[in-house]
N, C-alpha and C. Protein backbone atom coordinates (compact mmCIF):
# COMPACT_ATOMS: atom_id res chain seq x y z
N UNK A 1 14.58 -19.51 -18.01
CA UNK A 1 14.02 -19.29 -16.93
C UNK A 1 12.76 -19.21 -17.82
N UNK A 2 11.23 -20.11 -17.36
CA UNK A 2 10.29 -19.37 -18.26
C UNK A 2 10.13 -17.48 -17.68
N UNK A 3 8.36 -17.40 -18.85
CA UNK A 3 7.64 -16.37 -19.09
C UNK A 3 7.44 -14.96 -17.63
N UNK A 4 6.50 -16.14 -17.42
CA UNK A 4 6.45 -15.89 -16.11
C UNK A 4 7.47 -15.47 -15.12
N UNK A 5 8.68 -16.63 -14.82
CA UNK A 5 9.13 -16.41 -14.28
C UNK A 5 10.46 -15.22 -14.15
N UNK A 6 10.93 -15.10 -15.36
CA UNK A 6 10.79 -13.73 -15.96
C UNK A 6 10.42 -12.92 -15.93
N UNK A 7 9.42 -12.50 -16.02
CA UNK A 7 8.23 -11.23 -15.74
C UNK A 7 8.50 -11.20 -14.45
N UNK A 8 8.48 -12.53 -13.73
CA UNK A 8 8.28 -11.61 -11.93
C UNK A 8 9.69 -11.57 -11.69
N UNK A 9 10.63 -12.03 -12.18
CA UNK A 9 11.73 -11.56 -11.67
C UNK A 9 12.18 -10.51 -11.96
N UNK A 10 12.02 -10.06 -13.42
CA UNK A 10 12.30 -8.34 -13.47
C UNK A 10 11.50 -7.18 -12.26
N UNK A 11 9.34 -7.65 -12.30
CA UNK A 11 8.88 -7.31 -11.16
C UNK A 11 9.44 -6.97 -10.07
N UNK A 12 10.01 -7.62 -9.54
CA UNK A 12 10.65 -8.22 -7.87
C UNK A 12 11.94 -6.83 -8.31
N UNK A 13 12.93 -6.98 -8.53
CA UNK A 13 14.47 -6.52 -8.92
C UNK A 13 13.82 -4.91 -9.11
N UNK A 14 12.59 -4.85 -9.31
CA UNK A 14 11.94 -3.27 -9.63
C UNK A 14 11.11 -2.38 -8.66
N UNK A 15 10.80 -3.29 -8.11
CA UNK A 15 9.55 -3.12 -7.21
C UNK A 15 11.17 -2.77 -5.55
N UNK A 16 11.90 -3.46 -5.19
CA UNK A 16 13.03 -3.48 -4.18
C UNK A 16 14.32 -2.04 -4.38
N UNK A 17 14.37 -2.27 -6.53
CA UNK A 17 14.85 -0.87 -6.00
C UNK A 17 14.52 0.43 -6.37
N UNK A 18 13.02 0.19 -7.28
CA UNK A 18 11.95 1.86 -7.37
C UNK A 18 11.49 2.36 -5.89
N UNK A 19 10.82 0.65 -4.73
CA UNK A 19 10.85 1.40 -2.64
C UNK A 19 11.43 1.89 -1.91
N UNK A 20 13.15 0.77 -2.73
CA UNK A 20 14.23 1.20 -1.57
C UNK A 20 14.88 3.19 -2.25
N UNK A 21 14.61 2.88 -3.34
CA UNK A 21 15.82 4.65 -3.88
C UNK A 21 14.68 6.19 -4.29
N UNK A 22 13.64 5.02 -5.40
CA UNK A 22 12.71 6.37 -5.72
C UNK A 22 12.87 5.97 -7.62
N UNK A 23 11.82 6.12 -7.96
CA UNK A 23 11.86 5.72 -9.44
C UNK A 23 12.72 6.03 -10.67
N UNK A 24 12.60 7.81 -9.56
CA UNK A 24 13.59 8.49 -11.00
C UNK A 24 15.45 8.40 -10.87
N UNK A 25 15.61 7.94 -9.52
CA UNK A 25 16.94 7.38 -9.45
C UNK A 25 17.48 6.67 -10.58
N UNK A 26 16.36 4.95 -10.51
CA UNK A 26 16.41 3.85 -10.50
C UNK A 26 16.49 3.81 -12.05
N UNK A 27 17.70 3.38 -12.96
CA UNK A 27 17.69 3.07 -14.54
C UNK A 27 18.08 2.12 -14.90
N UNK A 28 17.67 0.97 -15.25
CA UNK A 28 16.69 0.39 -16.44
C UNK A 28 17.75 -0.23 -16.02
N UNK A 29 19.09 -0.36 -16.76
CA UNK A 29 19.97 -1.08 -16.32
C UNK A 29 20.45 -1.50 -15.25
N UNK A 30 20.13 -0.16 -13.86
CA UNK A 30 19.67 -0.91 -12.69
C UNK A 30 18.57 -2.21 -12.33
N UNK A 31 17.74 -2.21 -13.30
CA UNK A 31 16.45 -3.77 -12.27
C UNK A 31 17.52 -4.64 -13.63
N UNK A 32 17.81 -4.30 -14.73
CA UNK A 32 18.91 -5.65 -15.83
C UNK A 32 18.97 -6.24 -14.85
N UNK A 33 20.76 -5.47 -14.06
CA UNK A 33 21.12 -6.24 -12.79
C UNK A 33 21.17 -7.33 -11.82
N UNK A 34 20.04 -6.30 -11.72
CA UNK A 34 19.46 -6.68 -10.40
C UNK A 34 18.53 -8.35 -10.97
N UNK A 35 17.82 -7.88 -11.57
CA UNK A 35 17.05 -9.23 -12.01
C UNK A 35 17.52 -10.07 -13.42
N UNK A 36 18.75 -9.53 -13.37
CA UNK A 36 19.91 -11.07 -14.68
C UNK A 36 19.39 -10.50 -15.23
N UNK A 37 18.80 -9.99 -16.25
CA UNK A 37 18.35 -10.31 -17.06
C UNK A 37 19.46 -9.92 -18.67
N UNK A 38 19.05 -9.75 -19.65
CA UNK A 38 20.14 -8.54 -20.53
C UNK A 38 19.14 -7.69 -20.70
N UNK A 39 19.70 -6.90 -20.70
CA UNK A 39 18.40 -5.15 -21.08
C UNK A 39 17.55 -5.59 -22.58
N UNK A 40 17.61 -6.10 -23.53
CA UNK A 40 17.45 -6.51 -24.36
C UNK A 40 16.28 -7.14 -24.05
N UNK A 41 16.48 -7.91 -23.10
CA UNK A 41 15.23 -9.08 -22.08
C UNK A 41 14.44 -8.57 -21.86
N UNK A 42 13.98 -7.37 -21.29
CA UNK A 42 14.25 -5.88 -20.34
C UNK A 42 13.55 -5.32 -21.37
N UNK A 43 13.44 -5.30 -22.19
CA UNK A 43 12.36 -4.58 -23.13
C UNK A 43 11.87 -4.86 -23.61
N UNK A 44 12.39 -6.10 -24.06
CA UNK A 44 11.87 -6.91 -24.01
C UNK A 44 9.56 -7.24 -23.32
N UNK A 45 9.98 -7.68 -22.79
CA UNK A 45 8.70 -7.61 -21.34
C UNK A 45 8.87 -5.98 -21.18
N UNK A 46 9.06 -4.87 -21.42
CA UNK A 46 8.99 -3.86 -19.90
C UNK A 46 9.00 -2.70 -22.18
N UNK A 47 9.01 -2.19 -23.06
CA UNK A 47 9.70 -1.21 -23.99
C UNK A 47 9.71 -0.02 -22.95
N UNK A 48 9.10 0.23 -22.11
CA UNK A 48 9.46 1.14 -21.34
C UNK A 48 9.76 1.43 -20.31
N UNK A 49 10.26 2.43 -19.46
CA UNK A 49 9.88 2.49 -18.17
C UNK A 49 8.70 2.64 -17.52
N UNK A 50 8.12 3.25 -18.31
CA UNK A 50 6.45 3.89 -17.96
C UNK A 50 5.50 2.54 -17.68
N UNK A 51 6.11 1.52 -18.33
CA UNK A 51 5.44 0.40 -18.36
C UNK A 51 5.22 -0.94 -17.76
N UNK A 52 7.46 0.09 -17.38
CA UNK A 52 7.53 -1.23 -15.80
C UNK A 52 7.29 -0.63 -14.40
N UNK A 53 7.25 0.44 -14.93
CA UNK A 53 6.90 1.53 -13.41
C UNK A 53 5.38 0.94 -13.52
N UNK A 54 4.09 1.36 -13.80
CA UNK A 54 2.47 1.14 -14.33
C UNK A 54 2.59 -0.99 -13.44
N UNK A 55 3.44 -1.50 -14.24
CA UNK A 55 3.00 -2.61 -14.02
C UNK A 55 3.74 -2.84 -11.72
N UNK A 56 4.88 -2.58 -11.48
CA UNK A 56 4.85 -1.95 -10.18
C UNK A 56 4.43 -2.04 -9.51
N UNK A 57 3.04 -0.60 -9.89
CA UNK A 57 2.80 -0.42 -9.24
C UNK A 57 0.91 -1.15 -9.19
N UNK A 58 1.26 -2.11 -9.89
CA UNK A 58 -0.46 -2.72 -10.33
C UNK A 58 0.04 -3.95 -9.38
N UNK A 59 0.73 -4.86 -9.78
CA UNK A 59 0.80 -6.14 -9.27
C UNK A 59 1.37 -5.72 -7.47
N UNK A 60 1.71 -4.26 -6.86
CA UNK A 60 1.98 -3.70 -5.37
C UNK A 60 0.99 -3.61 -4.80
N UNK A 61 -0.52 -3.10 -5.24
CA UNK A 61 -1.65 -2.29 -5.54
C UNK A 61 -2.39 -3.89 -4.49
N UNK A 62 -2.51 -4.70 -5.82
CA UNK A 62 -2.35 -6.18 -5.98
C UNK A 62 -2.51 -7.01 -4.14
N UNK A 63 -1.12 -6.59 -4.10
CA UNK A 63 -0.16 -8.06 -3.14
C UNK A 63 -0.61 -6.71 -1.98
N UNK A 64 -0.60 -5.84 -1.96
CA UNK A 64 -0.70 -4.60 -0.31
C UNK A 64 -1.25 -5.34 0.16
N UNK A 65 -2.85 -4.72 -1.47
CA UNK A 65 -4.45 -5.21 -0.57
C UNK A 65 -4.49 -6.05 -0.11
N UNK A 66 -4.52 -7.93 -1.12
CA UNK A 66 -3.92 -8.86 -0.10
C UNK A 66 -4.06 -8.68 0.75
N UNK A 67 -2.49 -9.01 0.79
CA UNK A 67 -2.20 -9.16 2.47
C UNK A 67 -2.68 -8.45 3.83
N UNK A 68 -3.24 -6.93 2.99
CA UNK A 68 -4.50 -6.42 3.91
C UNK A 68 -6.06 -7.26 4.31
N UNK A 69 -5.91 -8.26 4.25
CA UNK A 69 -7.60 -8.50 3.33
C UNK A 69 -7.47 -9.73 4.52
N UNK A 70 -6.25 -10.46 4.65
CA UNK A 70 -5.30 -11.70 5.13
C UNK A 70 -5.52 -11.94 6.05
N UNK A 71 -4.69 -10.63 6.33
CA UNK A 71 -4.20 -10.53 8.17
C UNK A 71 -6.47 -10.22 8.93
N UNK A 72 -6.22 -8.92 8.29
CA UNK A 72 -7.98 -8.11 9.13
C UNK A 72 -8.90 -9.82 8.70
N UNK A 73 -8.98 -10.82 8.27
CA UNK A 73 -10.51 -11.65 8.06
C UNK A 73 -9.31 -12.43 9.35
N UNK A 74 -7.99 -13.25 9.14
CA UNK A 74 -6.85 -13.60 9.99
C UNK A 74 -7.75 -13.22 12.26
N UNK A 75 -6.85 -12.72 11.42
CA UNK A 75 -6.53 -11.35 12.99
C UNK A 75 -8.02 -11.34 13.93
N UNK A 76 -9.30 -10.73 13.76
CA UNK A 76 -10.21 -10.11 14.74
C UNK A 76 -11.30 -11.10 14.70
N UNK A 77 -12.60 -11.29 15.59
CA UNK A 77 -13.55 -12.34 15.06
C UNK A 77 -13.55 -10.62 15.24
N UNK A 78 -15.39 -10.45 14.60
CA UNK A 78 -16.45 -9.72 15.09
C UNK A 78 -15.61 -7.97 13.79
N UNK A 79 -17.20 -7.94 13.94
CA UNK A 79 -17.17 -5.89 13.09
C UNK A 79 -15.61 -5.12 13.08
N UNK A 80 -15.98 -4.37 14.17
CA UNK A 80 -15.57 -3.35 15.09
C UNK A 80 -13.82 -4.01 15.77
N UNK A 81 -13.50 -4.65 15.60
CA UNK A 81 -12.22 -6.01 14.95
C UNK A 81 -11.72 -6.38 14.09
N UNK A 82 -11.89 -6.15 13.18
CA UNK A 82 -11.50 -6.78 11.84
C UNK A 82 -11.29 -4.83 11.45
N UNK A 83 -11.73 -3.34 11.95
CA UNK A 83 -12.02 -2.96 11.19
C UNK A 83 -10.37 -2.12 12.25
N UNK A 84 -10.42 -2.54 13.41
CA UNK A 84 -9.35 -2.03 14.48
C UNK A 84 -7.52 -2.75 13.43
N UNK A 85 -8.36 -4.17 13.02
CA UNK A 85 -6.82 -4.55 12.75
C UNK A 85 -6.49 -4.35 11.82
N UNK A 86 -6.84 -3.21 10.86
CA UNK A 86 -6.29 -2.73 9.71
C UNK A 86 -4.72 -1.71 10.58
N UNK A 87 -5.46 -1.59 11.40
CA UNK A 87 -3.75 -0.75 11.90
C UNK A 87 -3.34 -1.27 12.77
N UNK A 88 -3.81 -2.57 13.28
CA UNK A 88 -2.29 -3.16 14.01
C UNK A 88 -1.95 -4.19 13.00
N UNK A 89 -2.18 -4.18 11.03
CA UNK A 89 -1.42 -4.45 10.32
C UNK A 89 -0.15 -3.36 9.48
N UNK A 90 -1.17 -2.15 9.54
CA UNK A 90 -0.05 -1.27 10.11
C UNK A 90 1.24 -0.39 10.31
N UNK A 91 0.56 -0.95 11.67
CA UNK A 91 1.93 -1.10 12.94
C UNK A 91 3.66 -2.56 12.50
N UNK A 92 2.80 -3.29 11.25
CA UNK A 92 3.65 -4.31 10.78
C UNK A 92 4.34 -3.97 10.43
N UNK A 93 3.47 -3.22 9.28
CA UNK A 93 3.98 -3.51 8.56
C UNK A 93 5.38 -1.88 8.60
N UNK A 94 4.25 -0.60 9.19
CA UNK A 94 5.77 0.06 9.51
C UNK A 94 6.89 -0.04 10.02
N UNK A 95 6.85 -1.08 10.77
CA UNK A 95 8.27 -1.90 11.23
C UNK A 95 8.93 -2.63 10.90
N UNK A 96 9.16 -3.13 9.76
CA UNK A 96 9.34 -3.36 8.99
C UNK A 96 10.75 -2.25 7.99
N UNK A 97 12.00 -3.13 8.01
CA UNK A 97 13.10 -2.40 8.21
C UNK A 97 12.82 -1.65 7.25
N UNK A 98 12.25 -2.08 6.20
CA UNK A 98 13.01 -1.56 4.00
C UNK A 98 11.51 -0.83 4.46
N UNK A 99 10.41 -0.07 5.45
CA UNK A 99 9.45 0.51 5.14
C UNK A 99 10.37 1.99 4.88
N UNK A 100 9.16 2.27 3.48
CA UNK A 100 10.27 3.76 2.47
C UNK A 100 8.39 4.39 3.07
N UNK A 101 7.68 4.20 3.73
CA UNK A 101 6.17 5.09 3.05
C UNK A 101 5.69 4.58 2.37
N UNK A 102 4.21 5.10 1.66
CA UNK A 102 3.75 4.62 0.79
C UNK A 102 3.93 4.66 -0.70
N UNK A 103 4.42 3.44 -1.34
CA UNK A 103 5.22 3.96 -2.65
C UNK A 103 4.16 4.13 -3.75
N UNK A 104 2.53 4.42 -3.96
CA UNK A 104 1.91 5.21 -4.99
C UNK A 104 2.24 6.52 -4.25
N UNK A 105 2.51 6.92 -3.17
CA UNK A 105 2.51 8.18 -2.55
C UNK A 105 4.05 9.38 -3.16
N UNK A 106 5.19 7.67 -2.95
CA UNK A 106 6.21 8.04 -3.39
C UNK A 106 5.41 8.34 -4.61
N UNK A 107 5.34 7.47 -5.66
CA UNK A 107 5.50 7.77 -6.82
C UNK A 107 4.64 8.67 -7.90
N UNK A 108 3.68 8.29 -7.03
CA UNK A 108 2.44 10.13 -7.09
C UNK A 108 3.46 11.71 -6.83
N UNK A 109 4.43 11.41 -6.04
CA UNK A 109 5.63 11.88 -5.54
C UNK A 109 6.72 12.93 -6.45
N UNK A 110 6.95 12.09 -7.12
CA UNK A 110 8.45 11.74 -8.24
C UNK A 110 7.37 11.82 -10.19
N UNK A 111 6.10 11.67 -10.09
CA UNK A 111 6.09 11.34 -11.27
C UNK A 111 4.00 11.78 -11.78
N UNK A 112 3.77 12.12 -11.14
CA UNK A 112 2.30 11.91 -11.28
C UNK A 112 2.04 13.11 -12.01
N UNK A 113 2.94 14.65 -12.34
CA UNK A 113 2.50 15.46 -12.74
C UNK A 113 3.01 15.25 -14.27
N UNK A 114 3.70 14.57 -14.82
CA UNK A 114 3.53 14.44 -16.25
C UNK A 114 3.27 13.02 -15.87
N UNK A 115 3.11 11.54 -15.42
CA UNK A 115 2.84 10.59 -16.55
C UNK A 115 2.15 9.72 -15.51
N UNK A 116 0.87 10.19 -16.80
CA UNK A 116 -0.69 10.14 -16.00
C UNK A 116 -1.28 8.46 -15.45
N UNK A 117 -0.27 7.82 -15.58
CA UNK A 117 -0.73 6.53 -15.45
C UNK A 117 0.06 5.55 -14.15
N UNK A 118 0.59 6.80 -14.13
CA UNK A 118 1.41 6.98 -12.22
C UNK A 118 0.16 7.40 -11.12
N UNK A 119 -0.42 8.56 -12.44
CA UNK A 119 -1.07 9.11 -11.33
C UNK A 119 -2.76 8.45 -11.18
N UNK A 120 -3.05 7.89 -12.10
CA UNK A 120 -4.01 6.67 -12.08
C UNK A 120 -3.87 5.59 -11.20
N UNK A 121 -2.13 5.25 -11.31
CA UNK A 121 -2.28 4.10 -10.75
C UNK A 121 -2.17 4.09 -9.02
N UNK A 122 -2.43 5.60 -8.51
CA UNK A 122 -1.50 6.06 -7.38
C UNK A 122 -3.64 5.83 -6.64
N UNK A 123 -3.93 6.39 -7.65
CA UNK A 123 -5.26 6.92 -7.37
C UNK A 123 -6.03 6.07 -7.24
N UNK A 124 -6.00 4.75 -8.07
CA UNK A 124 -6.29 3.09 -7.80
C UNK A 124 -6.51 2.24 -6.66
N UNK A 125 -5.19 3.14 -6.22
CA UNK A 125 -5.17 2.38 -5.37
C UNK A 125 -5.30 3.01 -3.61
N UNK A 126 -5.21 3.83 -4.09
CA UNK A 126 -6.00 4.99 -3.28
C UNK A 126 -7.59 4.30 -2.67
N UNK A 127 -7.87 4.32 -4.25
CA UNK A 127 -9.34 4.67 -3.88
C UNK A 127 -9.85 3.01 -3.29
N UNK A 128 -9.35 1.68 -3.72
CA UNK A 128 -9.41 1.12 -3.63
C UNK A 128 -9.68 1.17 -1.24
N UNK A 129 -8.88 1.23 -1.68
CA UNK A 129 -7.95 1.07 -0.13
C UNK A 129 -9.50 1.77 0.61
N UNK A 130 -9.77 2.27 0.28
CA UNK A 130 -11.10 3.83 0.68
C UNK A 130 -11.91 2.99 0.28
N UNK A 131 -12.52 1.62 -0.48
CA UNK A 131 -13.80 1.17 -0.34
C UNK A 131 -13.33 0.03 0.13
N UNK A 132 -12.09 -0.61 0.61
CA UNK A 132 -11.89 -1.68 1.81
C UNK A 132 -12.04 -1.13 3.33
N UNK A 133 -12.38 -0.09 3.89
CA UNK A 133 -12.07 0.80 5.27
C UNK A 133 -13.56 0.99 4.97
N UNK A 134 -13.88 1.18 4.14
CA UNK A 134 -15.71 1.70 3.81
C UNK A 134 -16.45 0.65 4.08
N UNK A 135 -16.18 -0.52 3.55
CA UNK A 135 -17.00 -1.70 3.72
C UNK A 135 -16.43 -2.07 4.66
N UNK A 136 -15.60 -2.46 5.60
CA UNK A 136 -16.22 -2.75 6.85
C UNK A 136 -16.04 -1.83 7.74
N UNK A 137 -16.66 -1.32 7.72
CA UNK A 137 -17.48 0.07 8.81
C UNK A 137 -19.23 0.22 8.52
N UNK A 138 -19.00 -0.24 7.11
CA UNK A 138 -20.60 -0.87 6.71
C UNK A 138 -21.42 -1.56 7.57
N UNK A 139 -19.95 -2.60 7.40
CA UNK A 139 -20.80 -4.16 8.01
C UNK A 139 -20.46 -3.86 9.36
N UNK A 140 -19.66 -3.37 9.48
CA UNK A 140 -19.83 -2.84 11.07
C UNK A 140 -21.51 -1.87 11.61
N UNK A 141 -21.71 -1.11 10.78
CA UNK A 141 -23.05 -0.59 11.01
C UNK A 141 -23.29 1.02 11.63
N UNK A 142 -21.24 1.14 11.11
CA UNK A 142 -20.76 2.44 11.49
C UNK A 142 -21.98 3.19 10.19
N UNK A 143 -21.96 4.51 10.16
CA UNK A 143 -22.33 5.67 9.25
C UNK A 143 -21.59 5.60 8.57
N UNK A 144 -22.59 5.68 7.50
CA UNK A 144 -21.84 5.61 6.23
C UNK A 144 -20.23 7.13 5.75
N UNK A 145 -20.06 8.03 6.59
CA UNK A 145 -18.91 8.70 6.67
C UNK A 145 -17.96 8.23 7.00
N UNK A 146 -18.18 6.95 7.86
CA UNK A 146 -16.89 6.41 8.57
C UNK A 146 -15.74 6.12 8.55
N UNK A 147 -16.23 5.61 7.36
CA UNK A 147 -15.41 4.52 5.94
C UNK A 147 -14.69 5.50 5.49
N UNK A 148 -15.12 7.36 5.54
CA UNK A 148 -13.67 8.17 4.69
C UNK A 148 -12.77 8.41 6.25
N UNK A 149 -13.50 8.57 7.46
CA UNK A 149 -12.83 8.88 8.35
C UNK A 149 -11.88 8.51 8.92
N UNK A 150 -11.96 7.22 8.64
CA UNK A 150 -11.07 5.75 8.55
C UNK A 150 -9.58 6.01 8.32
N UNK A 151 -10.10 6.61 6.98
CA UNK A 151 -9.34 5.79 5.86
C UNK A 151 -8.27 7.14 6.23
N UNK A 152 -8.90 8.57 6.07
CA UNK A 152 -8.13 9.73 7.15
C UNK A 152 -7.06 9.14 6.94
N UNK A 153 -7.40 8.56 8.70
CA UNK A 153 -6.65 8.05 10.13
C UNK A 153 -5.51 7.34 9.41
N UNK A 154 -6.06 6.36 9.01
CA UNK A 154 -4.57 5.90 7.87
C UNK A 154 -3.93 5.88 7.32
N UNK A 155 -3.85 6.85 6.51
CA UNK A 155 -2.98 7.48 5.63
C UNK A 155 -2.98 8.13 6.19
N UNK A 156 -2.95 9.37 7.61
CA UNK A 156 -2.52 9.97 8.32
C UNK A 156 -1.35 9.29 8.58
N UNK A 157 -1.34 8.43 8.98
CA UNK A 157 -0.43 7.46 9.88
C UNK A 157 0.29 6.98 8.56
N UNK A 158 -0.35 6.05 8.20
CA UNK A 158 1.37 5.83 6.50
C UNK A 158 2.07 7.04 6.95
N UNK A 159 2.23 8.17 6.31
CA UNK A 159 2.46 9.54 6.42
C UNK A 159 3.41 9.88 7.10
N UNK A 160 2.89 9.96 7.88
CA UNK A 160 3.21 9.83 9.63
C UNK A 160 4.16 9.32 10.96
N UNK A 161 4.75 7.69 9.87
CA UNK A 161 5.31 6.33 10.15
C UNK A 161 6.22 6.71 9.08
N UNK A 162 6.34 6.90 7.75
CA UNK A 162 7.65 7.41 7.06
C UNK A 162 8.07 8.97 7.98
N UNK A 163 7.62 9.63 7.64
CA UNK A 163 8.07 10.82 7.84
C UNK A 163 9.16 10.43 9.62
N UNK A 164 7.94 9.95 10.38
CA UNK A 164 9.17 10.17 11.75
C UNK A 164 9.86 8.53 11.79
N UNK A 165 10.23 7.76 11.24
CA UNK A 165 10.60 6.72 11.69
C UNK A 165 10.60 5.64 12.18
N UNK A 166 8.68 5.09 12.96
CA UNK A 166 8.94 4.61 13.34
C UNK A 166 7.78 4.13 13.47
N UNK A 167 7.22 3.15 13.93
CA UNK A 167 5.64 3.19 14.29
C UNK A 167 4.28 2.63 14.66
N UNK A 168 4.80 3.63 15.82
CA UNK A 168 4.15 4.59 17.06
C UNK A 168 2.74 5.28 16.03
N UNK A 169 2.50 6.09 14.93
CA UNK A 169 1.72 6.13 14.33
C UNK A 169 0.60 5.16 13.60
N UNK A 170 0.36 4.03 14.14
CA UNK A 170 -0.12 2.78 14.10
C UNK A 170 -1.84 3.38 15.28
N UNK A 171 -0.72 3.64 16.64
CA UNK A 171 -1.53 2.76 17.12
C UNK A 171 -1.83 4.03 17.75
N UNK A 172 -1.64 5.31 17.57
CA UNK A 172 -2.35 6.40 17.80
C UNK A 172 -2.94 6.84 17.00
N UNK A 173 -3.18 6.39 15.76
CA UNK A 173 -4.49 6.44 15.11
C UNK A 173 -5.22 5.18 14.84
N UNK A 174 -4.98 4.22 15.76
CA UNK A 174 -6.26 2.81 15.82
C UNK A 174 -6.78 3.52 17.17
N UNK A 175 -6.18 3.97 18.55
CA UNK A 175 -6.78 4.98 19.24
C UNK A 175 -8.19 5.43 18.81
N UNK A 176 -7.78 6.61 17.78
CA UNK A 176 -8.80 7.74 17.34
C UNK A 176 -9.66 6.50 16.66
N UNK A 177 -9.42 5.90 15.88
CA UNK A 177 -10.45 4.68 15.12
C UNK A 177 -11.55 4.18 16.21
N UNK A 178 -11.23 3.35 17.21
CA UNK A 178 -11.54 3.20 18.44
C UNK A 178 -12.15 4.26 19.33
N UNK A 179 -11.94 5.91 18.47
CA UNK A 179 -12.67 6.40 19.59
C UNK A 179 -14.62 6.76 18.45
N UNK A 180 -13.32 6.89 17.35
CA UNK A 180 -14.65 6.68 16.36
C UNK A 180 -15.79 5.91 16.48
N UNK A 181 -15.15 4.88 16.79
CA UNK A 181 -16.47 3.83 15.99
C UNK A 181 -16.68 3.68 17.21
N UNK A 182 -17.15 3.96 18.30
CA UNK A 182 -17.62 4.32 20.13
C UNK A 182 -17.92 4.94 19.54
N UNK A 183 -18.18 6.54 19.61
CA UNK A 183 -19.03 6.80 19.27
C UNK A 183 -20.09 6.64 18.17
N UNK A 184 -19.26 6.72 16.91
CA UNK A 184 -20.55 6.10 15.69
C UNK A 184 -21.69 4.46 16.87
N UNK A 185 -21.05 3.97 17.91
CA UNK A 185 -22.02 3.16 17.99
C UNK A 185 -21.93 0.97 17.90
N UNK A 186 -20.21 1.04 17.25
CA UNK A 186 -19.92 0.09 16.60
C UNK A 186 -19.51 -0.88 17.72
N UNK A 187 -19.67 -1.41 17.87
CA UNK A 187 -19.09 -2.87 19.79
C UNK A 187 -17.74 -3.74 19.21
N UNK A 188 -17.42 -3.89 19.75
CA UNK A 188 -16.62 -5.01 19.62
C UNK A 188 -15.06 -4.13 19.43
N UNK A 189 -15.33 -3.02 19.77
CA UNK A 189 -13.88 -1.71 19.87
C UNK A 189 -13.25 -1.28 21.62
N UNK A 190 -14.30 -2.01 22.23
CA UNK A 190 -13.42 -1.41 23.92
C UNK A 190 -11.85 -1.25 23.90
N UNK A 191 -11.75 -0.50 25.26
CA UNK A 191 -10.19 -0.23 25.05
C UNK A 191 -9.69 -2.24 25.61
């Protein structure tokens, strides 16, 4: 394997294990085994578990936000429709059989108090998601606070879906977003 393929394989294995089982329960030997590299090779790429966790979170952040943005652009016409498309994407994500909630909230809950890099990665992800929603709200002509309100709806839906084990919080949050946007005078959010 070349350098990039080996690193990708390690991160793929780490992501699957960390997200499914939790970061603290997964030992580096399990990542080694799942990725098919030697323990020595694993530590050449990631000298500590903390570095592997940080790389996993940063990569997941980029992919998550790219997938969301691609869906929103491809799924909706008009600024109001793009905002509502966020909740459709969340519904699809929640319906995945491996959905275990927000990886960043999960990681922060496990390690945020003791691992500054985990806390920073979680904050970065949440800040970027909030900024994305604020940008969508601004493009739709909504008042400035609307982005923060949409963020709370989306974050609440993510948490509720993880706890309840079903995708209905996305539709519930989308309904609340529709009411919020109509009250703000945003076009393209009719029932």
